Structures are given as C-alpha cells and as structure tokens.
Amino acid sequence: MRSALLFPPLLALTACAVGPTLDQRLATYIGKTELQLVSTLGVPTSSFETGGVKFLQYGERRVIALPDSYPGPPFGPLGPLGPGYYGGFGYTSYVPVRCDVTFALQNGRVTSYSYRGDGCS
C-alpha cells in the first residue's frame, strides 16, 4: 500500500507536457545517500545487492481508463466484425500500467537509476 504513495512526487506530471521530465526528476537523486533516498521515497518494494552495488527498486501499479473510441484488439467483442474498434459500442477499456524505478548505490550513495514499464514517462 505504501508504494502507491511513493510515486506521486516522481510521476505526478507524467501526463502533462509541462514540468520536468521523469529523467530530470530522478537525476536529482544522484549523489544522495541511501538514508536520504528512503526518507524521501519511502521503503523500496525490493532490494538486491551484488558485486558491491546495492539496488533499490520502487514499483507502481495502477489501472487507467481509456475512452470508448479506443481501438481494441484485432477482433472485437463481437467477433471478426472489423478491426476490433470498440467505438460506438459504449465500452470503456481498463488497462493496467506499471513503472519500476531502480536506483543503484555504491558506498551508500545513489550512482545511477533506470526505469522500465509502460507507465513511465
């Protein structure tokens, strides 16, 4: 439950064209201590250590609603009646999206980050 609260500072502006990008926001953590990172973002969802590098991963999972004009899969709910276009049928599609952000730490400080998922932007 806590992870849902972690990403508003990181991902709050992902839907907007205004404001800093995700890279710009994450870059501010480079050089921060592990304590500063955890104090700001909370407890990570997972961690791993290998070769003297500690990795802290934060994950966000959410569901977004797409309007009824969203083109669906190749065959819609009514069978092969075209390209799977849901528009006009009153359907709303709910799609799960995720974003995982991993910070690498050496000597207790953030040295790099990476992110993956269709909810990262």
Protein backbone atom coordinates (compact mmCIF):
# COMPACT_ATOMS: atom_id res chain seq x y z
CA MET A 1 0.00 0.00 0.00
CA ARG A 2 2.84 2.37 0.76
CA SER A 3 4.24 2.04 -2.77
CA ALA A 4 1.12 3.74 -4.14
CA LEU A 5 2.18 6.81 -2.18
CA LEU A 6 5.76 6.77 -3.43
CA PHE A 7 5.32 7.84 -6.98
CA PRO A 8 3.22 10.99 -6.85
CA PRO A 9 6.44 13.01 -6.48
CA LEU A 10 8.05 11.02 -9.30
CA LEU A 11 5.17 10.50 -11.69
CA ALA A 12 2.68 13.24 -10.90
CA LEU A 13 3.45 15.18 -14.07
CA THR A 14 3.82 12.26 -16.48
CA ALA A 15 0.51 13.04 -18.15
CA CYS A 16 1.37 16.71 -18.58
CA ALA A 17 3.67 18.29 -21.10
CA VAL A 18 4.59 20.99 -18.58
CA GLY A 19 7.23 20.47 -15.92
CA PRO A 20 10.34 18.38 -15.53
CA THR A 21 10.63 15.02 -17.24
CA LEU A 22 10.95 11.78 -15.30
CA ASP A 23 14.68 11.75 -16.08
CA GLN A 24 15.06 15.26 -14.71
CA ARG A 25 13.22 14.33 -11.50
CA LEU A 26 15.17 11.10 -11.00
CA ALA A 27 18.53 12.75 -11.72
CA THR A 28 18.10 14.85 -8.58
CA TYR A 29 18.69 11.67 -6.53
CA ILE A 30 22.18 11.06 -7.97
CA GLY A 31 24.69 11.52 -5.14
CA LYS A 32 22.08 11.29 -2.39
CA THR A 33 22.65 8.86 0.46
CA GLU A 34 20.55 5.75 0.94
CA LEU A 35 19.01 7.40 4.01
CA GLN A 36 18.02 10.49 2.00
CA LEU A 37 16.52 8.32 -0.76
CA VAL A 38 14.47 6.19 1.63
CA SER A 39 13.46 9.23 3.69
CA THR A 40 12.10 10.89 0.55
CA LEU A 41 10.57 7.94 -1.35
CA GLY A 42 9.83 5.54 1.49
CA VAL A 43 10.79 1.91 1.84
CA PRO A 44 11.56 0.29 -1.52
CA THR A 45 9.42 -2.56 -2.82
CA SER A 46 12.55 -4.70 -3.24
CA SER A 47 16.32 -4.60 -2.90
CA PHE A 48 19.25 -6.66 -4.12
CA GLU A 49 22.99 -6.49 -3.59
CA THR A 50 25.72 -7.90 -5.82
CA GLY A 51 29.32 -7.01 -6.62
CA GLY A 52 29.39 -4.19 -4.09
CA VAL A 53 26.37 -2.48 -5.67
CA LYS A 54 23.02 -2.24 -3.89
CA PHE A 55 19.87 -1.90 -5.98
CA LEU A 56 16.68 -0.39 -4.54
CA GLN A 57 13.54 -0.78 -6.64
CA TYR A 58 10.35 1.20 -6.33
CA GLY A 59 7.28 -0.01 -8.21
CA GLU A 60 3.95 1.48 -9.08
CA ARG A 61 0.98 -0.42 -10.46
CA ARG A 62 -2.22 1.31 -11.48
CA VAL A 63 -5.14 0.95 -13.86
CA ILE A 64 -6.05 3.62 -16.38
CA ALA A 65 -9.34 4.02 -18.22
CA LEU A 66 -9.29 4.53 -21.96
CA PRO A 67 -12.24 6.22 -23.69
CA ASP A 68 -14.72 4.17 -25.69
CA SER A 69 -13.19 5.25 -29.00
CA TYR A 70 -10.01 3.33 -28.21
CA PRO A 71 -9.34 0.73 -30.92
CA GLY A 72 -9.26 -2.69 -29.34
CA PRO A 73 -7.57 -5.95 -30.28
CA PRO A 74 -7.75 -7.31 -33.85
CA PHE A 75 -11.09 -8.98 -33.16
CA GLY A 76 -13.52 -7.07 -31.00
CA PRO A 77 -16.05 -8.45 -28.53
CA LEU A 78 -18.49 -9.19 -31.35
CA GLY A 79 -16.12 -11.44 -33.26
CA PRO A 80 -14.37 -10.63 -36.53
CA LEU A 81 -16.55 -7.66 -37.43
CA GLY A 82 -13.70 -5.40 -38.42
CA PRO A 83 -10.51 -4.15 -36.85
CA GLY A 84 -11.74 -4.54 -33.27
CA TYR A 85 -12.90 -0.97 -32.97
CA TYR A 86 -14.84 -0.57 -29.73
CA GLY A 87 -16.06 2.94 -30.53
CA GLY A 88 -19.79 3.34 -30.74
CA PHE A 89 -20.46 0.33 -28.51
CA GLY A 90 -20.06 2.24 -25.25
CA TYR A 91 -17.12 0.22 -23.98
CA THR A 92 -14.50 1.64 -21.68
CA SER A 93 -11.22 -0.23 -21.62
CA TYR A 94 -9.29 -0.51 -18.37
CA VAL A 95 -5.59 -1.14 -18.86
CA PRO A 96 -3.05 -1.97 -16.16
CA VAL A 97 0.18 0.03 -16.36
CA ARG A 98 3.34 -0.18 -14.31
CA CYS A 99 6.55 1.65 -13.70
CA ASP A 100 9.57 0.23 -11.90
CA VAL A 101 12.38 2.60 -10.91
CA THR A 102 15.66 1.07 -9.76
CA PHE A 103 18.41 3.05 -8.06
CA ALA A 104 21.98 1.71 -7.92
CA LEU A 105 24.01 2.64 -4.83
CA GLN A 106 27.73 2.30 -4.24
CA ASN A 107 29.33 3.24 -0.93
CA GLY A 108 25.89 4.24 0.35
CA ARG A 109 25.20 6.82 -2.40
CA VAL A 110 23.00 6.76 -5.48
CA THR A 111 25.19 6.43 -8.57
CA SER A 112 22.57 5.74 -11.25
CA TYR A 113 18.95 4.89 -11.90
CA SER A 114 16.91 3.08 -14.52
CA TYR A 115 13.22 2.65 -15.15
CA ARG A 116 11.00 0.40 -17.18
CA GLY A 117 7.34 -0.10 -17.80
CA ASP A 118 4.52 1.36 -19.84
CA GLY A 119 3.56 3.76 -17.02
CA CYS A 120 6.92 5.57 -17.04
CA SER A 121 7.15 8.78 -19.00
